[in-house]
Amino acid sequence: MKTRRRRRWPWVVGIAAGALGVLLVPVALVVVPILTHADQGQANQDPAAEEWPAVVTATGDDGRERSLELFPAEPGGSVDSSALVAGQRLVVAGSGYDPSRGVYLAICRIPDSPAERPTPCLGGMPDAEEGEEGASGDVQWAASNWINDDWAWKLFGARPFDDRETGTFTAYLLVPEPTEEALDCRVEACAVYSRNDHTASSDRVQDLGIPVAFAD
């Protein structure tokens, strides 16, 4: 009996090692790109220099020409970015983005320097907590949006890019109250910002901002 028990151990160890390997592979697929990412530079767009545009464009240090544009939720109108109202719904379209990196989108304080990350942001940023998978056709209005084409992050609620080849995405922004504990957009200059998500948070190459203000 003792001999038979000893012979079972290699099988048990082998099964356990295989199961561990199955678990570690997806973890590595997510973690390794984050750890090995090299920052691509800056977006080369200064929101503070533009007055209430509906669309902004810039060519980043990575050679990509990106654009970010505001649309009203209902077709046929326009957005007065100088007089947003809490509860207003905006459609934000981006193009030219790098689909290998995720994008956060929210109304954030315009930083003093383009080399600084746009923060804080109204409504914060989406939490990478496991939830329902995002989908291209879903319309979920929120104060912040998260676009990421990686299958793993879709499981945490990220929406995919509309088209990887052109780097296009659509975000559905529900305008929050203009003031929170860490930010008051009635006093400080703010913009609807896109920026790299937590997978490349120090990389400023996808920081585009459309200046906004709130109605009195």
N, C-alpha and C. Protein backbone atom coordinates (compact mmCIF):
# COMPACT_ATOMS: atom_id res chain seq x y z
N MET A 1 0.82 -1.21 0.00
CA MET A 1 0.00 0.00 0.00
C MET A 1 0.85 1.25 0.00
N LYS A 2 1.90 1.25 0.78
CA LYS A 2 2.77 2.42 0.83
C LYS A 2 3.41 2.69 -0.52
N THR A 3 3.80 1.62 -1.21
CA THR A 3 4.44 1.79 -2.52
C THR A 3 3.48 2.42 -3.51
N ARG A 4 2.22 1.99 -3.50
CA ARG A 4 1.24 2.55 -4.42
C ARG A 4 1.01 4.03 -4.15
N ARG A 5 0.96 4.41 -2.87
CA ARG A 5 0.77 5.83 -2.54
C ARG A 5 1.92 6.68 -3.05
N ARG A 6 3.12 6.19 -2.93
CA ARG A 6 4.28 6.95 -3.40
C ARG A 6 4.22 7.14 -4.92
N ARG A 7 3.73 6.14 -5.62
CA ARG A 7 3.68 6.23 -7.08
C ARG A 7 2.65 7.25 -7.56
N ARG A 8 1.66 7.53 -6.70
CA ARG A 8 0.66 8.52 -7.10
C ARG A 8 1.19 9.95 -7.05
N TRP A 9 2.18 10.21 -6.23
CA TRP A 9 2.68 11.58 -6.05
C TRP A 9 3.15 12.25 -7.33
N PRO A 10 3.93 11.58 -8.20
CA PRO A 10 4.34 12.26 -9.44
C PRO A 10 3.15 12.72 -10.27
N TRP A 11 2.06 11.91 -10.28
CA TRP A 11 0.88 12.31 -11.04
C TRP A 11 0.23 13.54 -10.42
N VAL A 12 0.13 13.54 -9.09
CA VAL A 12 -0.48 14.68 -8.39
C VAL A 12 0.31 15.94 -8.64
N VAL A 13 1.63 15.85 -8.51
CA VAL A 13 2.51 17.01 -8.74
C VAL A 13 2.39 17.49 -10.17
N GLY A 14 2.34 16.54 -11.12
CA GLY A 14 2.23 16.92 -12.53
C GLY A 14 0.94 17.65 -12.83
N ILE A 15 -0.16 17.16 -12.27
CA ILE A 15 -1.45 17.82 -12.48
C ILE A 15 -1.45 19.21 -11.87
N ALA A 16 -0.91 19.34 -10.66
CA ALA A 16 -0.87 20.64 -9.98
C ALA A 16 -0.02 21.63 -10.78
N ALA A 17 1.13 21.16 -11.28
CA ALA A 17 2.01 22.04 -12.07
C ALA A 17 1.32 22.47 -13.35
N GLY A 18 0.58 21.55 -13.98
CA GLY A 18 -0.13 21.91 -15.20
C GLY A 18 -1.20 22.95 -14.95
N ALA A 19 -1.93 22.77 -13.85
CA ALA A 19 -2.98 23.74 -13.50
C ALA A 19 -2.38 25.10 -13.20
N LEU A 20 -1.26 25.10 -12.51
CA LEU A 20 -0.58 26.37 -12.20
C LEU A 20 -0.13 27.05 -13.48
N GLY A 21 0.38 26.26 -14.43
CA GLY A 21 0.81 26.82 -15.69
C GLY A 21 -0.33 27.45 -16.46
N VAL A 22 -1.49 26.80 -16.44
CA VAL A 22 -2.68 27.33 -17.11
C VAL A 22 -3.08 28.68 -16.52
N LEU A 23 -2.95 28.81 -15.20
CA LEU A 23 -3.29 30.06 -14.54
C LEU A 23 -2.27 31.15 -14.80
N LEU A 24 -1.00 30.77 -14.84
CA LEU A 24 0.07 31.77 -14.98
C LEU A 24 0.16 32.34 -16.39
N VAL A 25 -0.20 31.57 -17.40
CA VAL A 25 -0.08 32.06 -18.78
C VAL A 25 -0.92 33.31 -19.01
N PRO A 26 -2.25 33.30 -18.67
CA PRO A 26 -3.01 34.53 -18.86
C PRO A 26 -2.52 35.69 -18.03
N VAL A 27 -2.05 35.38 -16.80
CA VAL A 27 -1.50 36.45 -15.96
C VAL A 27 -0.29 37.08 -16.63
N ALA A 28 0.57 36.26 -17.19
CA ALA A 28 1.76 36.76 -17.87
C ALA A 28 1.40 37.58 -19.10
N LEU A 29 0.36 37.15 -19.82
CA LEU A 29 -0.06 37.88 -21.02
C LEU A 29 -0.53 39.29 -20.67
N VAL A 30 -1.04 39.48 -19.46
CA VAL A 30 -1.50 40.79 -19.02
C VAL A 30 -0.37 41.60 -18.41
N VAL A 31 0.42 40.97 -17.54
CA VAL A 31 1.43 41.69 -16.76
C VAL A 31 2.67 42.04 -17.58
N VAL A 32 3.14 41.13 -18.40
CA VAL A 32 4.39 41.36 -19.14
C VAL A 32 4.34 42.61 -20.02
N PRO A 33 3.26 42.81 -20.82
CA PRO A 33 3.22 44.03 -21.64
C PRO A 33 3.27 45.31 -20.81
N ILE A 34 2.69 45.29 -19.60
CA ILE A 34 2.73 46.46 -18.74
C ILE A 34 4.16 46.74 -18.28
N LEU A 35 4.86 45.69 -17.86
CA LEU A 35 6.20 45.84 -17.33
C LEU A 35 7.22 46.18 -18.41
N THR A 36 6.96 45.76 -19.64
CA THR A 36 7.94 45.97 -20.71
C THR A 36 7.62 47.18 -21.59
N HIS A 37 6.51 47.88 -21.29
CA HIS A 37 6.13 49.02 -22.13
C HIS A 37 7.16 50.14 -22.07
N ALA A 38 7.50 50.69 -23.22
CA ALA A 38 8.39 51.85 -23.31
C ALA A 38 7.55 53.07 -23.70
N ASP A 39 7.62 54.13 -22.91
CA ASP A 39 6.84 55.33 -23.20
C ASP A 39 7.16 55.87 -24.59
N GLN A 40 6.11 56.33 -25.28
CA GLN A 40 6.26 56.78 -26.67
C GLN A 40 6.44 58.29 -26.80
N GLY A 41 6.38 59.01 -25.70
CA GLY A 41 6.59 60.46 -25.76
C GLY A 41 5.34 61.23 -25.43
N GLN A 42 5.10 62.32 -26.15
CA GLN A 42 3.97 63.20 -25.85
C GLN A 42 3.02 63.30 -27.04
N ALA A 43 1.81 63.77 -26.75
CA ALA A 43 0.78 63.88 -27.78
C ALA A 43 0.95 65.14 -28.62
N ASN A 44 1.67 66.14 -28.07
CA ASN A 44 1.93 67.40 -28.77
C ASN A 44 0.67 68.21 -29.04
N GLN A 45 -0.24 68.21 -28.06
CA GLN A 45 -1.43 69.04 -28.13
C GLN A 45 -1.61 69.75 -26.81
N ASP A 46 -1.87 71.05 -26.86
CA ASP A 46 -2.03 71.84 -25.64
C ASP A 46 -3.46 72.35 -25.57
N PRO A 47 -4.32 71.71 -24.77
CA PRO A 47 -5.72 72.15 -24.69
C PRO A 47 -5.88 73.59 -24.23
N ALA A 48 -4.96 74.07 -23.41
CA ALA A 48 -5.07 75.43 -22.89
C ALA A 48 -4.94 76.47 -23.99
N ALA A 49 -4.37 76.09 -25.14
CA ALA A 49 -4.16 77.04 -26.23
C ALA A 49 -5.36 77.14 -27.16
N GLU A 50 -6.39 76.32 -26.96
CA GLU A 50 -7.54 76.31 -27.86
C GLU A 50 -8.81 76.71 -27.10
N GLU A 51 -9.70 77.44 -27.79
CA GLU A 51 -10.89 77.95 -27.14
C GLU A 51 -12.15 77.28 -27.68
N TRP A 52 -12.70 76.38 -26.89
CA TRP A 52 -13.97 75.70 -27.13
C TRP A 52 -14.07 75.02 -28.50
N PRO A 53 -13.09 74.24 -28.90
CA PRO A 53 -13.23 73.50 -30.16
C PRO A 53 -14.13 72.27 -29.96
N ALA A 54 -14.77 71.83 -31.03
CA ALA A 54 -15.55 70.59 -30.96
C ALA A 54 -14.67 69.40 -31.31
N VAL A 55 -13.54 69.66 -31.95
CA VAL A 55 -12.63 68.58 -32.34
C VAL A 55 -11.20 69.08 -32.18
N VAL A 56 -10.31 68.21 -31.73
CA VAL A 56 -8.89 68.54 -31.64
C VAL A 56 -8.09 67.43 -32.34
N THR A 57 -6.96 67.82 -32.90
CA THR A 57 -6.09 66.85 -33.57
C THR A 57 -4.65 67.14 -33.18
N ALA A 58 -3.83 66.12 -33.21
CA ALA A 58 -2.40 66.28 -32.92
C ALA A 58 -1.66 65.04 -33.40
N THR A 59 -0.40 65.25 -33.78
CA THR A 59 0.47 64.14 -34.16
C THR A 59 1.45 63.89 -33.03
N GLY A 60 1.35 62.72 -32.44
CA GLY A 60 2.18 62.39 -31.29
C GLY A 60 3.61 62.07 -31.67
N ASP A 61 4.44 61.95 -30.66
CA ASP A 61 5.84 61.60 -30.89
C ASP A 61 6.01 60.22 -31.52
N ASP A 62 4.95 59.42 -31.47
CA ASP A 62 5.00 58.09 -32.09
C ASP A 62 4.62 58.13 -33.57
N GLY A 63 4.34 59.35 -34.08
CA GLY A 63 4.00 59.50 -35.50
C GLY A 63 2.54 59.32 -35.82
N ARG A 64 1.72 58.97 -34.87
CA ARG A 64 0.29 58.80 -35.10
C ARG A 64 -0.44 60.14 -35.03
N GLU A 65 -1.30 60.39 -36.00
CA GLU A 65 -2.17 61.57 -35.94
C GLU A 65 -3.49 61.16 -35.29
N ARG A 66 -3.78 61.76 -34.16
CA ARG A 66 -4.99 61.43 -33.42
C ARG A 66 -5.98 62.58 -33.46
N SER A 67 -7.25 62.23 -33.34
CA SER A 67 -8.28 63.25 -33.22
C SER A 67 -9.28 62.83 -32.17
N LEU A 68 -9.88 63.83 -31.53
CA LEU A 68 -10.89 63.62 -30.51
C LEU A 68 -12.01 64.61 -30.78
N GLU A 69 -13.26 64.14 -30.82
CA GLU A 69 -14.37 65.01 -31.23
C GLU A 69 -15.58 64.77 -30.34
N LEU A 70 -16.29 65.89 -30.04
CA LEU A 70 -17.51 65.84 -29.24
C LEU A 70 -18.75 65.92 -30.12
N PHE A 71 -19.74 65.10 -29.79
CA PHE A 71 -21.03 65.13 -30.47
C PHE A 71 -22.14 65.12 -29.42
N PRO A 72 -23.30 65.68 -29.75
CA PRO A 72 -24.44 65.55 -28.83
C PRO A 72 -25.00 64.13 -28.91
N ALA A 73 -25.70 63.72 -27.86
CA ALA A 73 -26.29 62.39 -27.85
C ALA A 73 -27.35 62.25 -28.93
N GLU A 74 -28.09 63.34 -29.15
CA GLU A 74 -29.11 63.33 -30.20
C GLU A 74 -28.52 63.90 -31.47
N PRO A 75 -28.63 63.16 -32.59
CA PRO A 75 -28.04 63.64 -33.84
C PRO A 75 -28.67 64.94 -34.33
N GLY A 76 -27.88 65.68 -35.08
CA GLY A 76 -28.40 66.89 -35.71
C GLY A 76 -28.12 68.17 -34.96
N GLY A 77 -27.55 68.09 -33.78
CA GLY A 77 -27.25 69.28 -33.02
C GLY A 77 -25.76 69.52 -32.89
N SER A 78 -25.39 70.34 -31.93
CA SER A 78 -23.98 70.62 -31.67
C SER A 78 -23.79 70.73 -30.16
N VAL A 79 -22.55 70.71 -29.76
CA VAL A 79 -22.22 70.77 -28.33
C VAL A 79 -21.59 72.12 -28.02
N ASP A 80 -22.15 72.83 -27.04
CA ASP A 80 -21.52 74.06 -26.55
C ASP A 80 -20.60 73.65 -25.41
N SER A 81 -19.33 73.44 -25.74
CA SER A 81 -18.38 72.95 -24.75
C SER A 81 -18.05 73.98 -23.68
N SER A 82 -18.50 75.23 -23.87
CA SER A 82 -18.26 76.26 -22.86
C SER A 82 -19.35 76.31 -21.81
N ALA A 83 -20.40 75.48 -21.98
CA ALA A 83 -21.53 75.55 -21.04
C ALA A 83 -22.15 74.18 -20.84
N LEU A 84 -21.35 73.22 -20.39
CA LEU A 84 -21.87 71.90 -20.11
C LEU A 84 -22.78 71.93 -18.88
N VAL A 85 -23.68 70.95 -18.82
CA VAL A 85 -24.62 70.84 -17.70
C VAL A 85 -24.55 69.43 -17.15
N ALA A 86 -24.53 69.30 -15.84
CA ALA A 86 -24.51 67.97 -15.22
C ALA A 86 -25.70 67.15 -15.70
N GLY A 87 -25.45 65.91 -16.08
CA GLY A 87 -26.49 65.05 -16.60
C GLY A 87 -26.57 65.05 -18.11
N GLN A 88 -25.87 65.98 -18.75
CA GLN A 88 -25.84 66.05 -20.22
C GLN A 88 -25.11 64.83 -20.78
N ARG A 89 -25.56 64.34 -21.92
CA ARG A 89 -24.93 63.18 -22.55
C ARG A 89 -24.15 63.61 -23.79
N LEU A 90 -22.90 63.18 -23.82
CA LEU A 90 -22.01 63.51 -24.93
C LEU A 90 -21.45 62.23 -25.53
N VAL A 91 -21.36 62.20 -26.84
CA VAL A 91 -20.67 61.12 -27.53
C VAL A 91 -19.28 61.63 -27.90
N VAL A 92 -18.27 60.88 -27.54
CA VAL A 92 -16.88 61.28 -27.81
C VAL A 92 -16.27 60.25 -28.76
N ALA A 93 -15.80 60.73 -29.90
CA ALA A 93 -15.22 59.84 -30.90
C ALA A 93 -13.72 60.10 -31.01
N GLY A 94 -12.95 59.03 -30.98
CA GLY A 94 -11.51 59.14 -31.15
C GLY A 94 -11.05 58.36 -32.36
N SER A 95 -9.99 58.82 -33.00
CA SER A 95 -9.42 58.09 -34.13
C SER A 95 -7.91 58.27 -34.14
N GLY A 96 -7.22 57.30 -34.73
CA GLY A 96 -5.77 57.36 -34.82
C GLY A 96 -5.06 56.86 -33.57
N TYR A 97 -5.80 56.31 -32.62
CA TYR A 97 -5.20 55.86 -31.36
C TYR A 97 -4.51 54.50 -31.54
N ASP A 98 -3.59 54.22 -30.63
CA ASP A 98 -2.85 52.96 -30.67
C ASP A 98 -3.70 51.89 -29.97
N PRO A 99 -4.26 50.93 -30.73
CA PRO A 99 -5.15 49.94 -30.12
C PRO A 99 -4.44 48.93 -29.24
N SER A 100 -3.11 48.94 -29.25
CA SER A 100 -2.38 48.02 -28.37
C SER A 100 -2.34 48.55 -26.94
N ARG A 101 -2.82 49.76 -26.74
CA ARG A 101 -2.89 50.37 -25.41
C ARG A 101 -4.31 50.80 -25.12
N GLY A 102 -4.73 50.64 -23.87
CA GLY A 102 -6.06 51.07 -23.49
C GLY A 102 -6.12 52.57 -23.29
N VAL A 103 -7.34 53.10 -23.31
CA VAL A 103 -7.57 54.54 -23.19
C VAL A 103 -8.63 54.80 -22.12
N TYR A 104 -8.34 55.73 -21.21
CA TYR A 104 -9.34 56.25 -20.30
C TYR A 104 -9.85 57.56 -20.87
N LEU A 105 -11.12 57.86 -20.61
CA LEU A 105 -11.69 59.13 -21.06
C LEU A 105 -12.58 59.71 -19.97
N ALA A 106 -12.33 60.99 -19.63
CA ALA A 106 -13.11 61.65 -18.58
C ALA A 106 -12.83 63.15 -18.65
N ILE A 107 -13.59 63.91 -17.87
CA ILE A 107 -13.33 65.35 -17.74
C ILE A 107 -12.30 65.53 -16.62
N CYS A 108 -11.15 66.08 -16.98
CA CYS A 108 -10.04 66.20 -16.03
C CYS A 108 -9.49 67.62 -16.02
N ARG A 109 -8.76 67.92 -14.98
CA ARG A 109 -8.05 69.20 -14.90
C ARG A 109 -6.96 69.25 -15.95
N ILE A 110 -6.84 70.39 -16.65
CA ILE A 110 -5.75 70.56 -17.60
C ILE A 110 -4.46 70.77 -16.82
N PRO A 111 -3.46 69.91 -17.00
CA PRO A 111 -2.23 70.03 -16.20
C PRO A 111 -1.43 71.27 -16.60
N ASP A 112 -0.54 71.67 -15.72
CA ASP A 112 0.30 72.84 -15.97
C ASP A 112 1.28 72.59 -17.11
N SER A 113 1.64 71.33 -17.32
CA SER A 113 2.57 70.97 -18.39
C SER A 113 2.05 69.76 -19.14
N PRO A 114 2.23 69.72 -20.48
CA PRO A 114 1.81 68.54 -21.25
C PRO A 114 2.54 67.27 -20.83
N ALA A 115 3.65 67.42 -20.11
CA ALA A 115 4.40 66.25 -19.65
C ALA A 115 3.77 65.63 -18.40
N GLU A 116 2.76 66.32 -17.82
CA GLU A 116 2.10 65.82 -16.62
C GLU A 116 0.80 65.10 -16.98
N ARG A 117 0.46 64.10 -16.21
CA ARG A 117 -0.77 63.36 -16.43
C ARG A 117 -1.98 64.21 -16.10
N PRO A 118 -3.02 64.21 -16.95
CA PRO A 118 -4.25 64.94 -16.64
C PRO A 118 -4.95 64.30 -15.44
N THR A 119 -4.98 65.01 -14.34
CA THR A 119 -5.59 64.51 -13.11
C THR A 119 -5.68 65.66 -12.13
N PRO A 120 -6.66 65.65 -11.21
CA PRO A 120 -7.72 64.65 -11.02
C PRO A 120 -8.80 64.77 -12.07
N CYS A 121 -9.73 63.82 -12.05
CA CYS A 121 -10.80 63.77 -13.03
C CYS A 121 -12.14 63.64 -12.33
N LEU A 122 -13.15 64.31 -12.87
CA LEU A 122 -14.49 64.20 -12.31
C LEU A 122 -15.01 62.78 -12.51
N GLY A 123 -15.50 62.20 -11.46
CA GLY A 123 -15.98 60.82 -11.56
C GLY A 123 -14.89 59.79 -11.46
N GLY A 124 -13.64 60.25 -11.29
CA GLY A 124 -12.53 59.31 -11.20
C GLY A 124 -12.31 58.58 -12.51
N MET A 125 -11.64 57.44 -12.45
CA MET A 125 -11.41 56.61 -13.61
C MET A 125 -12.04 55.24 -13.37
N PRO A 126 -12.38 54.53 -14.43
CA PRO A 126 -13.02 53.22 -14.24
C PRO A 126 -12.16 52.29 -13.41
N ASP A 127 -12.80 51.51 -12.53
CA ASP A 127 -12.08 50.53 -11.72
C ASP A 127 -11.90 49.25 -12.51
N ALA A 128 -10.70 48.68 -12.43
CA ALA A 128 -10.44 47.40 -13.10
C ALA A 128 -10.92 46.27 -12.22
N GLU A 129 -12.22 46.25 -11.99
CA GLU A 129 -12.83 45.20 -11.19
C GLU A 129 -13.61 44.27 -12.11
N GLU A 130 -13.54 43.00 -11.83
CA GLU A 130 -14.18 42.03 -12.72
C GLU A 130 -15.67 42.28 -12.78
N GLY A 131 -16.19 42.30 -14.00
CA GLY A 131 -17.62 42.52 -14.20
C GLY A 131 -18.02 41.97 -15.55
N GLU A 132 -19.07 42.55 -16.13
CA GLU A 132 -19.53 42.08 -17.42
C GLU A 132 -18.60 42.58 -18.52
N GLU A 133 -18.44 41.76 -19.54
CA GLU A 133 -17.57 42.11 -20.65
C GLU A 133 -18.18 43.26 -21.44
N GLY A 134 -17.36 44.26 -21.77
CA GLY A 134 -17.83 45.37 -22.59
C GLY A 134 -18.02 44.90 -24.02
N ALA A 135 -18.85 45.60 -24.76
CA ALA A 135 -19.11 45.22 -26.15
C ALA A 135 -19.27 46.47 -26.99
N SER A 136 -18.93 46.35 -28.28
CA SER A 136 -18.97 47.50 -29.17
C SER A 136 -20.35 48.12 -29.25
N GLY A 137 -21.39 47.29 -29.22
CA GLY A 137 -22.74 47.81 -29.39
C GLY A 137 -23.37 48.34 -28.12
N ASP A 138 -22.76 48.10 -26.98
CA ASP A 138 -23.33 48.56 -25.72
C ASP A 138 -23.23 50.08 -25.59
N VAL A 139 -24.29 50.70 -25.11
CA VAL A 139 -24.26 52.13 -24.81
C VAL A 139 -24.44 52.26 -23.30
N GLN A 140 -23.35 52.57 -22.62
CA GLN A 140 -23.37 52.71 -21.17
C GLN A 140 -22.84 54.10 -20.82
N TRP A 141 -23.75 55.00 -20.46
CA TRP A 141 -23.38 56.37 -20.16
C TRP A 141 -22.73 56.43 -18.77
N ALA A 142 -21.58 57.05 -18.70
CA ALA A 142 -20.85 57.12 -17.43
C ALA A 142 -19.94 58.34 -17.44
N ALA A 143 -19.56 58.79 -16.24
CA ALA A 143 -18.68 59.96 -16.12
C ALA A 143 -17.29 59.68 -16.65
N SER A 144 -16.91 58.40 -16.72
CA SER A 144 -15.62 58.03 -17.29
C SER A 144 -15.80 56.76 -18.11
N ASN A 145 -15.03 56.64 -19.16
CA ASN A 145 -15.11 55.49 -20.05
C ASN A 145 -13.74 54.83 -20.16
N TRP A 146 -13.76 53.53 -20.47
CA TRP A 146 -12.52 52.77 -20.60
C TRP A 146 -12.57 51.95 -21.88
N ILE A 147 -11.60 52.18 -22.75
CA ILE A 147 -11.48 51.46 -24.01
C ILE A 147 -10.20 50.63 -23.96
N ASN A 148 -10.32 49.34 -24.15
CA ASN A 148 -9.14 48.47 -24.18
C ASN A 148 -9.48 47.23 -24.98
N ASP A 149 -8.67 46.92 -25.98
CA ASP A 149 -8.98 45.82 -26.90
C ASP A 149 -8.46 44.48 -26.41
N ASP A 150 -7.72 44.46 -25.31
CA ASP A 150 -7.19 43.20 -24.81
C ASP A 150 -8.33 42.35 -24.22
N TRP A 151 -8.36 41.08 -24.57
CA TRP A 151 -9.46 40.20 -24.14
C TRP A 151 -9.58 40.15 -22.62
N ALA A 152 -8.43 40.20 -21.92
CA ALA A 152 -8.48 40.10 -20.46
C ALA A 152 -9.19 41.31 -19.85
N TRP A 153 -8.88 42.51 -20.35
CA TRP A 153 -9.49 43.71 -19.76
C TRP A 153 -10.95 43.85 -20.16
N LYS A 154 -11.35 43.24 -21.28
CA LYS A 154 -12.77 43.24 -21.63
C LYS A 154 -13.59 42.51 -20.56
N LEU A 155 -12.96 41.52 -19.93
CA LEU A 155 -13.65 40.79 -18.86
C LEU A 155 -13.88 41.67 -17.64
N PHE A 156 -13.14 42.78 -17.56
CA PHE A 156 -13.27 43.71 -16.44
C PHE A 156 -14.11 44.93 -16.84
N GLY A 157 -14.81 44.84 -17.97
CA GLY A 157 -15.74 45.89 -18.35
C GLY A 157 -15.26 46.87 -19.39
N ALA A 158 -14.03 46.72 -19.91
CA ALA A 158 -13.54 47.63 -20.94
C ALA A 158 -14.28 47.40 -22.25
N ARG A 159 -14.55 48.50 -22.97
CA ARG A 159 -15.13 48.41 -24.31
C ARG A 159 -14.00 48.25 -25.33
N PRO A 160 -14.23 47.49 -26.39
CA PRO A 160 -13.19 47.37 -27.42
C PRO A 160 -13.15 48.58 -28.34
N PHE A 161 -12.08 48.72 -29.07
CA PHE A 161 -12.01 49.73 -30.12
C PHE A 161 -13.04 49.38 -31.20
N ASP A 162 -13.57 50.40 -31.86
CA ASP A 162 -14.51 50.15 -32.96
C ASP A 162 -13.78 49.53 -34.15
N ASP A 163 -12.56 50.01 -34.41
CA ASP A 163 -11.79 49.51 -35.54
C ASP A 163 -10.31 49.61 -35.18
N ARG A 164 -9.67 48.47 -35.06
CA ARG A 164 -8.25 48.46 -34.67
C ARG A 164 -7.37 49.13 -35.72
N GLU A 165 -7.67 48.91 -36.99
CA GLU A 165 -6.81 49.42 -38.06
C GLU A 165 -6.72 50.94 -38.03
N THR A 166 -7.85 51.60 -37.77
CA THR A 166 -7.86 53.07 -37.74
C THR A 166 -7.75 53.62 -36.33
N GLY A 167 -7.73 52.74 -35.32
CA GLY A 167 -7.62 53.20 -33.94
C GLY A 167 -8.78 54.05 -33.50
N THR A 168 -9.99 53.70 -33.95
CA THR A 168 -11.18 54.48 -33.60
C THR A 168 -11.91 53.87 -32.42
N PHE A 169 -12.53 54.74 -31.63
CA PHE A 169 -13.37 54.29 -30.52
C PHE A 169 -14.51 55.26 -30.32
N THR A 170 -15.54 54.82 -29.62
CA THR A 170 -16.67 55.67 -29.26
C THR A 170 -16.89 55.56 -27.76
N ALA A 171 -16.99 56.70 -27.11
CA ALA A 171 -17.24 56.74 -25.67
C ALA A 171 -18.53 57.50 -25.41
N TYR A 172 -19.23 57.11 -24.35
CA TYR A 172 -20.52 57.73 -24.02
C TYR A 172 -20.40 58.39 -22.65
N LEU A 173 -20.26 59.70 -22.69
CA LEU A 173 -19.94 60.45 -21.48
C LEU A 173 -21.18 61.07 -20.87
N LEU A 174 -21.44 60.74 -19.62
CA LEU A 174 -22.50 61.38 -18.85
C LEU A 174 -21.84 62.47 -18.01
N VAL A 175 -22.13 63.72 -18.33
CA VAL A 175 -21.44 64.84 -17.68
C VAL A 175 -21.76 64.84 -16.18
N PRO A 176 -20.72 64.77 -15.33
CA PRO A 176 -20.94 64.76 -13.88
C PRO A 176 -21.11 66.18 -13.33
N GLU A 177 -21.32 66.27 -12.05
CA GLU A 177 -21.33 67.58 -11.39
C GLU A 177 -19.95 68.23 -11.58
N PRO A 178 -19.88 69.56 -11.70
CA PRO A 178 -18.61 70.22 -12.00
C PRO A 178 -17.60 70.24 -10.86
N THR A 179 -18.06 69.89 -9.68
CA THR A 179 -17.15 69.96 -8.54
C THR A 179 -17.19 68.66 -7.73
N GLU A 180 -16.01 68.23 -7.32
CA GLU A 180 -15.85 67.11 -6.41
C GLU A 180 -14.81 67.50 -5.37
N GLU A 181 -14.51 66.60 -4.48
CA GLU A 181 -13.59 66.91 -3.38
C GLU A 181 -12.23 67.38 -3.88
N ALA A 182 -11.72 66.76 -4.96
CA ALA A 182 -10.37 67.06 -5.42
C ALA A 182 -10.33 68.00 -6.62
N LEU A 183 -11.49 68.38 -7.16
CA LEU A 183 -11.50 69.18 -8.39
C LEU A 183 -12.77 70.01 -8.49
N ASP A 184 -12.59 71.27 -8.91
CA ASP A 184 -13.73 72.16 -9.17
C ASP A 184 -13.53 72.78 -10.55
N CYS A 185 -14.26 72.26 -11.53
CA CYS A 185 -14.11 72.75 -12.90
C CYS A 185 -14.80 74.09 -13.13
N ARG A 186 -15.43 74.64 -12.09
CA ARG A 186 -15.94 76.01 -12.19
C ARG A 186 -14.83 77.01 -11.94
N VAL A 187 -13.76 76.53 -11.30
CA VAL A 187 -12.63 77.40 -10.95
C VAL A 187 -11.40 77.07 -11.78
N GLU A 188 -11.13 75.79 -11.96
CA GLU A 188 -9.94 75.35 -12.69
C GLU A 188 -10.29 74.99 -14.13
N ALA A 189 -9.30 75.13 -15.01
CA ALA A 189 -9.49 74.79 -16.41
C ALA A 189 -9.55 73.28 -16.58
N CYS A 190 -10.59 72.81 -17.28
CA CYS A 190 -10.79 71.37 -17.45
C CYS A 190 -11.00 71.04 -18.92
N ALA A 191 -10.88 69.77 -19.23
CA ALA A 191 -11.07 69.31 -20.61
C ALA A 191 -11.57 67.88 -20.60
N VAL A 192 -12.28 67.50 -21.66
CA VAL A 192 -12.58 66.09 -21.89
C VAL A 192 -11.29 65.46 -22.41
N TYR A 193 -10.73 64.59 -21.61
CA TYR A 193 -9.39 64.06 -21.91
C TYR A 193 -9.42 62.58 -22.26
N SER A 194 -8.59 62.21 -23.22
CA SER A 194 -8.21 60.82 -23.42
C SER A 194 -6.78 60.68 -22.91
N ARG A 195 -6.48 59.52 -22.35
CA ARG A 195 -5.11 59.24 -21.91
C ARG A 195 -4.94 57.73 -21.80
N ASN A 196 -3.72 57.27 -21.84
CA ASN A 196 -3.46 55.85 -21.68
C ASN A 196 -4.00 55.35 -20.35
N ASP A 197 -4.49 54.12 -20.34
CA ASP A 197 -5.01 53.57 -19.09
C ASP A 197 -3.88 53.08 -18.20
N HIS A 198 -4.20 52.29 -17.19
CA HIS A 198 -3.22 51.85 -16.19
C HIS A 198 -2.13 50.96 -16.78
N THR A 199 -2.34 50.45 -18.00
CA THR A 199 -1.32 49.60 -18.62
C THR A 199 -0.13 50.41 -19.13
N ALA A 200 -0.29 51.74 -19.23
CA ALA A 200 0.81 52.62 -19.66
C ALA A 200 0.57 54.01 -19.10
N SER A 201 0.33 54.09 -17.81
CA SER A 201 -0.14 55.33 -17.18
C SER A 201 0.86 56.48 -17.23
N SER A 202 2.16 56.17 -17.40
CA SER A 202 3.17 57.25 -17.43
C SER A 202 3.40 57.76 -18.85
N ASP A 203 2.75 57.15 -19.84
CA ASP A 203 2.96 57.50 -21.25
C ASP A 203 1.96 58.58 -21.65
N ARG A 204 2.45 59.74 -22.10
CA ARG A 204 1.60 60.89 -22.39
C ARG A 204 1.22 60.99 -23.87
N VAL A 205 1.56 60.02 -24.68
CA VAL A 205 1.40 60.14 -26.13
C VAL A 205 -0.06 60.17 -26.57
N GLN A 206 -1.00 59.68 -25.73
CA GLN A 206 -2.40 59.68 -26.14
C GLN A 206 -3.24 60.67 -25.33
N ASP A 207 -2.56 61.68 -24.75
CA ASP A 207 -3.25 62.73 -23.99
C ASP A 207 -3.79 63.81 -24.92
N LEU A 208 -5.04 63.69 -25.30
CA LEU A 208 -5.71 64.74 -26.06
C LEU A 208 -6.85 65.30 -25.22
N GLY A 209 -7.03 66.63 -25.27
CA GLY A 209 -8.06 67.24 -24.45
C GLY A 209 -8.88 68.26 -25.21
N ILE A 210 -10.20 68.21 -25.03
CA ILE A 210 -11.11 69.22 -25.58
C ILE A 210 -11.55 70.10 -24.42
N PRO A 211 -11.12 71.37 -24.38
CA PRO A 211 -11.47 72.25 -23.25
C PRO A 211 -12.98 72.37 -23.07
N VAL A 212 -13.42 72.31 -21.82
CA VAL A 212 -14.84 72.46 -21.49
C VAL A 212 -14.99 73.33 -20.27
N ALA A 213 -16.18 73.90 -20.13
CA ALA A 213 -16.55 74.64 -18.92
C ALA A 213 -18.02 74.35 -18.66
N PHE A 214 -18.48 74.76 -17.48
CA PHE A 214 -19.85 74.45 -17.08
C PHE A 214 -20.71 75.72 -17.07
N ALA A 215 -21.97 75.54 -17.40
CA ALA A 215 -22.91 76.66 -17.38
C ALA A 215 -23.11 77.15 -15.95
N ASP A 216 -23.36 78.44 -15.79
CA ASP A 216 -23.60 79.02 -14.47
C ASP A 216 -24.92 78.51 -13.89
